[in-house]
Protein backbone atom coordinates (compact mmCIF):
# COMPACT_ATOMS: atom_id res chain seq x y z
CA MET A 1 0.00 0.00 0.00
CA GLU A 2 1.41 3.39 -0.97
CA THR A 3 1.91 5.78 1.92
CA SER A 4 0.98 9.48 1.93
CA GLU A 5 4.68 10.39 2.05
CA THR A 6 5.29 8.98 -1.42
CA SER A 7 1.98 9.77 -3.11
CA GLU A 8 1.54 12.81 -5.33
CA PRO A 9 -0.14 15.76 -3.60
CA LEU A 10 -3.74 16.42 -4.60
CA VAL A 11 -4.04 19.93 -5.99
CA ALA A 12 -7.19 21.55 -7.29
CA ARG A 13 -6.95 24.88 -9.10
CA HIS A 14 -9.75 27.35 -8.43
CA VAL A 15 -10.32 30.77 -9.99
CA LEU A 16 -12.61 33.41 -8.52
CA GLU A 17 -13.58 35.80 -11.25
CA PHE A 18 -16.22 38.48 -11.81
CA PRO A 19 -16.74 38.77 -15.57
CA GLY A 20 -16.80 42.44 -16.47
CA GLY A 21 -15.34 43.38 -13.08
CA TYR A 22 -16.79 43.62 -9.57
CA THR A 23 -19.11 46.60 -9.46
CA ARG A 24 -20.32 48.48 -6.41
CA THR A 25 -21.82 51.88 -5.79
CA THR A 26 -19.57 54.40 -4.12
CA GLY A 27 -22.07 56.43 -2.13
CA PRO A 28 -21.95 60.22 -1.90
CA VAL A 29 -18.80 60.51 0.25
CA ILE A 30 -16.42 58.13 -1.54
CA GLY A 31 -18.00 59.14 -4.85
CA ARG A 32 -17.08 62.77 -4.21
CA PHE A 33 -13.55 61.75 -3.24
CA LEU A 34 -13.07 59.77 -6.47
CA THR A 35 -14.66 62.46 -8.62
CA GLU A 36 -12.25 65.02 -7.19
CA LEU A 37 -9.34 62.66 -7.91
CA ARG A 38 -10.47 62.52 -11.54
CA ALA A 39 -10.26 66.33 -11.57
CA GLY A 40 -6.76 66.28 -10.05
CA ARG A 41 -7.77 67.30 -6.54
CA ILE A 42 -7.70 65.52 -3.16
CA VAL A 43 -10.50 66.15 -0.65
CA GLY A 44 -11.40 64.98 2.80
CA VAL A 45 -14.37 65.49 5.10
CA ARG A 46 -14.52 67.54 8.28
CA THR A 47 -16.09 65.97 11.37
CA ALA A 48 -18.20 67.82 13.91
CA GLU A 49 -15.11 68.09 16.10
CA GLY A 50 -13.18 69.72 13.25
CA ARG A 51 -10.94 66.78 12.28
CA VAL A 52 -10.30 66.32 8.56
CA LEU A 53 -10.44 62.66 7.45
CA VAL A 54 -8.46 61.60 4.35
CA PRO A 55 -9.44 59.34 2.71
CA PRO A 56 -12.93 60.47 3.70
CA LEU A 57 -15.21 58.19 5.72
CA GLU A 58 -18.98 58.11 5.74
CA TYR A 59 -19.06 57.98 9.54
CA ASP A 60 -16.98 59.69 12.18
CA PRO A 61 -14.88 56.86 13.71
CA ALA A 62 -14.90 58.67 17.07
CA SER A 63 -18.61 59.34 17.44
CA GLY A 64 -20.24 57.11 14.81
CA GLU A 65 -22.16 60.10 13.46
CA PRO A 66 -22.62 60.44 9.67
CA VAL A 67 -20.13 62.68 7.90
CA ALA A 68 -21.88 63.59 4.68
CA ASP A 69 -20.83 67.17 4.05
CA GLY A 70 -18.05 69.62 4.90
CA TYR A 71 -15.67 68.61 2.11
CA VAL A 72 -12.17 70.11 2.45
CA GLU A 73 -9.46 70.20 -0.21
CA VAL A 74 -6.14 69.01 1.22
CA GLY A 75 -2.56 68.65 0.03
CA PRO A 76 -1.62 68.05 -2.61
CA ALA A 77 1.73 67.66 -0.79
CA GLY A 78 2.17 65.68 2.38
CA THR A 79 4.62 64.21 4.85
CA VAL A 80 5.73 60.60 5.11
CA THR A 81 5.25 59.22 8.62
CA ALA A 82 6.26 55.60 7.92
CA SER A 83 7.23 53.46 4.94
CA ALA A 84 8.07 49.92 3.81
CA TRP A 85 10.49 49.38 0.94
CA VAL A 86 9.61 46.99 -1.92
CA ARG A 87 12.86 45.74 -3.47
CA GLU A 88 11.27 43.46 -6.08
CA PRO A 89 7.97 44.78 -7.47
CA ARG A 90 5.43 42.17 -8.48
CA ASP A 91 2.79 42.09 -11.18
CA GLY A 92 0.02 44.43 -10.20
CA HIS A 93 2.24 46.79 -8.22
CA PRO A 94 1.95 50.46 -9.22
CA LEU A 95 5.61 50.73 -10.28
CA ASP A 96 7.94 48.42 -12.17
CA ARG A 97 11.00 49.46 -10.14
CA PRO A 98 11.82 49.39 -6.41
CA PHE A 99 9.49 51.72 -4.49
CA ALA A 100 7.97 52.22 -1.07
CA TRP A 101 4.52 51.85 0.39
CA ALA A 102 4.25 54.90 2.60
CA VAL A 103 1.85 56.32 5.16
CA ILE A 104 1.36 59.95 4.07
CA ARG A 105 -0.25 62.74 6.07
CA LEU A 106 -1.45 65.25 3.48
CA ASP A 107 -1.28 68.95 4.34
CA GLY A 108 -4.49 69.97 6.08
CA ALA A 109 -5.51 66.40 6.99
CA ASP A 110 -5.66 64.80 10.42
CA THR A 111 -5.47 61.21 9.16
CA SER A 112 -3.16 59.50 6.69
CA LEU A 113 -3.46 57.50 3.50
CA VAL A 114 -1.23 54.75 2.11
CA HIS A 115 0.22 55.12 -1.37
CA ALA A 116 3.31 54.28 -3.42
CA VAL A 117 6.32 56.60 -3.32
CA ASP A 118 9.00 56.54 -6.02
CA ALA A 119 12.00 57.60 -3.94
CA GLY A 120 14.79 55.74 -5.75
CA SER A 121 16.31 54.53 -2.49
CA PRO A 122 15.02 53.71 1.00
CA LYS A 123 17.57 56.19 2.36
CA ALA A 124 15.69 58.97 0.56
CA LEU A 125 12.46 58.26 2.42
CA ALA A 126 13.05 58.90 6.09
CA PRO A 127 10.05 59.87 8.25
CA GLY A 128 9.36 63.54 7.67
CA THR A 129 10.13 63.40 3.95
CA ARG A 130 7.90 65.77 1.97
CA VAL A 131 6.19 64.19 -1.05
CA TRP A 132 3.97 65.36 -3.92
CA PRO A 133 1.50 63.38 -6.05
CA VAL A 134 2.36 62.41 -9.62
CA TRP A 135 -0.93 62.37 -11.53
CA ARG A 136 -1.76 60.16 -14.49
CA GLN A 137 -2.47 61.85 -17.81
CA GLN A 138 -5.76 59.95 -18.20
CA ARG A 139 -7.83 59.83 -15.00
CA GLN A 140 -11.03 57.87 -14.40
CA GLY A 141 -11.99 58.46 -10.78
CA HIS A 142 -9.86 55.92 -8.92
CA ILE A 143 -7.13 56.07 -6.28
CA THR A 144 -4.70 55.05 -9.03
CA ASP A 145 -5.36 58.42 -10.72
CA ILE A 146 -2.43 59.30 -8.48
CA SER A 147 0.25 57.18 -10.16
CA HIS A 148 2.50 57.57 -7.13
CA PHE A 149 4.04 60.18 -4.88
CA ALA A 150 7.57 61.56 -5.31
CA PRO A 151 9.84 63.39 -2.85
CA GLU A 152 10.12 67.16 -3.05
CA VAL A 153 12.91 68.49 -5.20
CA THR A 154 15.61 69.37 -2.69
CA ARG A 155 18.66 69.29 -4.95
CA ILE A 156 19.53 69.51 -8.62
CA VAL A 157 22.59 68.33 -10.52
CA SER A 158 23.94 70.74 -13.08
CA PRO A 159 26.87 69.87 -15.34
CA ILE A 160 29.61 72.45 -14.87
CA ARG A 161 32.58 72.77 -17.18
CA PRO A 162 34.13 76.23 -17.17
CA GLU A 163 36.97 76.88 -19.56
CA TYR A 164 39.45 79.63 -18.82
CA ARG A 165 43.00 80.62 -19.59
CA ILE A 166 45.64 81.77 -17.13
CA GLN A 167 48.54 83.81 -18.34
CA ALA A 168 51.66 83.13 -16.32
CA GLY A 169 53.44 86.12 -14.85
CA GLY A 170 57.19 86.57 -14.94
CA ALA A 171 57.89 84.74 -11.67
CA LEU A 172 55.74 81.72 -12.54
CA ARG A 173 57.21 81.52 -16.03
CA THR A 174 60.69 81.55 -14.52
CA PHE A 175 59.74 78.70 -12.19
CA LEU A 176 58.14 76.62 -14.97
CA ASP A 177 61.14 77.18 -17.21
CA GLY A 178 63.24 75.61 -14.45
CA ILE A 179 60.77 72.71 -14.18
CA ARG A 180 61.17 72.11 -17.91
CA ARG A 181 64.92 71.85 -17.36
CA GLY A 182 64.40 69.49 -14.38
CA VAL A 183 65.22 72.07 -11.72
CA PHE A 184 63.18 73.51 -8.86
CA LEU A 185 63.77 77.26 -8.65
CA GLY A 186 63.17 79.13 -5.42
CA GLY A 187 63.71 82.72 -4.44
CA ARG A 188 65.69 83.92 -1.42
CA CYS A 189 64.53 87.05 0.39
CA ALA A 190 67.56 89.19 1.29
CA THR A 191 65.70 90.64 4.28
CA CYS A 192 64.15 87.50 5.81
CA ASP A 193 66.75 85.08 4.45
CA LYS A 194 63.94 82.64 3.65
CA VAL A 195 63.76 80.56 0.48
CA TYR A 196 60.37 80.35 -1.18
CA VAL A 197 59.36 77.77 -3.75
CA PRO A 198 57.85 78.15 -6.29
CA TYR A 199 59.96 81.19 -7.16
CA ARG A 200 58.22 84.51 -6.58
CA ALA A 201 59.17 88.15 -7.18
CA SER A 202 58.36 89.45 -3.70
CA CYS A 203 58.52 88.15 -0.15
CA PRO A 204 55.08 87.23 1.26
CA GLU A 205 56.34 87.94 4.81
CA CYS A 206 58.04 91.33 4.57
CA GLY A 207 57.12 92.46 1.06
CA SER A 208 60.71 92.94 -0.08
CA ALA A 209 61.60 92.32 -3.71
CA ILE A 210 63.29 88.97 -4.34
CA ASP A 211 66.18 89.13 -6.76
CA GLN A 212 68.16 86.02 -5.82
CA ARG A 213 67.20 82.74 -7.48
CA VAL A 214 68.13 79.47 -5.83
CA GLU A 215 68.29 76.06 -7.50
CA LEU A 216 66.94 73.45 -5.10
CA PRO A 217 67.43 69.67 -5.17
CA ASP A 218 64.51 67.46 -6.17
CA THR A 219 64.45 65.74 -2.77
CA GLY A 220 62.41 66.72 0.25
CA THR A 221 60.30 65.68 3.24
CA ILE A 222 56.57 65.11 3.56
CA THR A 223 55.23 67.53 6.17
CA THR A 224 51.53 66.61 5.89
CA PHE A 225 49.35 64.69 3.46
CA ALA A 226 45.85 63.58 2.49
CA ILE A 227 44.60 60.25 1.15
CA ASN A 228 42.21 60.73 -1.78
CA ASN A 229 39.67 58.12 -2.88
CA LEU A 230 38.25 59.86 -5.95
CA PRO A 231 39.83 59.18 -9.36
CA ASP A 232 42.30 61.73 -10.72
CA PRO A 233 43.91 61.35 -14.16
CA ARG A 234 47.22 62.59 -12.76
CA ALA A 235 47.35 60.06 -9.93
CA PRO A 236 49.25 56.76 -10.12
CA GLU A 237 46.35 54.79 -8.59
CA VAL A 238 43.33 55.11 -6.30
CA PRO A 239 43.52 55.74 -3.43
CA PHE A 240 46.37 58.19 -3.93
CA VAL A 241 48.19 60.70 -1.78
CA SER A 242 48.63 64.43 -2.21
CA ALA A 243 51.20 65.91 0.15
CA TYR A 244 52.96 69.07 1.18
CA ILE A 245 56.64 68.47 0.51
CA LEU A 246 59.39 70.64 1.96
CA LEU A 247 62.20 70.57 -0.58
CA ASP A 248 65.68 70.45 0.89
CA GLY A 249 66.89 74.02 1.31
CA ALA A 250 63.38 75.57 1.16
CA ASP A 251 61.48 77.24 3.99
CA VAL A 252 57.92 76.62 2.73
CA PRO A 253 56.46 73.34 1.38
CA MET A 254 54.88 72.81 -2.03
CA ILE A 255 52.02 70.46 -2.87
CA ALA A 256 52.52 67.41 -5.12
CA LEU A 257 51.37 63.84 -5.62
CA VAL A 258 53.10 60.88 -3.97
CA GLY A 259 53.57 57.59 -5.84
CA GLY A 260 55.55 54.39 -5.67
CA VAL A 261 54.20 53.53 -2.25
CA PRO A 262 50.80 52.29 -0.96
CA ALA A 263 48.72 55.17 0.36
CA HIS A 264 48.48 53.68 3.85
CA GLU A 265 52.30 53.61 4.16
CA VAL A 266 52.80 57.32 3.53
CA ARG A 267 53.72 59.21 6.69
CA GLN A 268 54.93 62.57 7.94
CA GLY A 269 58.71 62.87 7.78
CA MET A 270 59.02 60.44 4.84
CA ARG A 271 61.89 61.35 2.53
CA VAL A 272 60.89 61.58 -1.15
CA ARG A 273 62.36 62.43 -4.55
CA ALA A 274 60.70 63.87 -7.66
CA GLU A 275 60.02 61.48 -10.53
CA TRP A 276 60.41 63.40 -13.78
CA VAL A 277 58.92 62.67 -17.19
CA PRO A 278 61.49 62.14 -19.97
CA GLU A 279 63.16 65.39 -21.05
CA SER A 280 61.78 65.04 -24.58
CA GLU A 281 58.20 65.15 -23.21
CA ARG A 282 58.59 68.20 -20.99
CA ALA A 283 56.80 71.51 -21.42
CA LEU A 284 56.20 74.65 -19.35
CA SER A 285 54.09 72.67 -16.87
CA MET A 286 54.18 71.07 -13.43
CA ALA A 287 53.15 67.88 -15.25
CA ASN A 288 56.90 67.45 -15.85
CA VAL A 289 56.93 66.06 -12.30
CA ARG A 290 54.79 62.90 -12.26
CA TRP A 291 54.91 62.62 -8.47
CA PHE A 292 57.35 62.15 -5.61
CA THR A 293 58.51 58.65 -4.59
CA PRO A 294 60.20 57.47 -1.37
CA THR A 295 64.00 57.62 -1.35
CA GLY A 296 64.38 54.85 1.23
CA GLU A 297 66.21 57.17 3.64
CA GLU A 298 65.35 57.38 7.33
CA ASP A 299 62.43 59.67 8.11
CA ALA A 300 63.35 63.26 8.88
CA GLU A 301 62.44 64.89 12.16
CA LEU A 302 59.96 67.71 11.70
CA SER A 303 60.35 70.73 13.92
């Protein structure tokens, strides 16, 4: 005798269907609500105590008294008080992409309704989020005349690409000419006896004119740095390091990229050397210096 564990399950398929659709009368209260939706408006009803019910009810849930008049237009915007995120929409859902079912308190209402919100991400739909209805082009007097709600516009993204030209002054041109030759040029102030790099024509500390040019070595010490995680076409890899480097013989640091070492191994006091592009590829540009790489020397002590 065959046991129930090995026998095929008995399954009967049933379909409940109303040919032509299930039809019911709406009554004056719900009928007014749906008619207003068809016109692109949302209304509620005001109870004897002054509360506005949306969606409207035929009877006051507090007193049981009929609520057949006192229609009040509300919204159209509202505030999300709670939501549940739908990651995988199913057939019959209002949207074909991830969305939220949200409890929405429309402006001017004392109760809330549930509707779909197209927020793009659950993080964009915290309680308190302001939302507006997105109406269908063709409306027929149904709650789905509101296709869904969408968050208020709180930010816009505008492509920005300014183009401008900078004409180098005499001091900068002098410095870049040195970079093209593979030399860092600084300027020594005769009054302060400080060496500034890049070369400049006047001292930023005392204002004196700088006439003395100083050729500095291409080695230096990292004084401080930042690890960057956004791509940069100049960088050797991501993450990469940009650092202030005090060239040997200089009194102020200059900013440059650091390469040839993992970002997490870069440290203050690290000794580095400039890595130059081939002389045949150089121009009047700081791009002649790809980046600075560690020299392998002991770290310097920073005062």
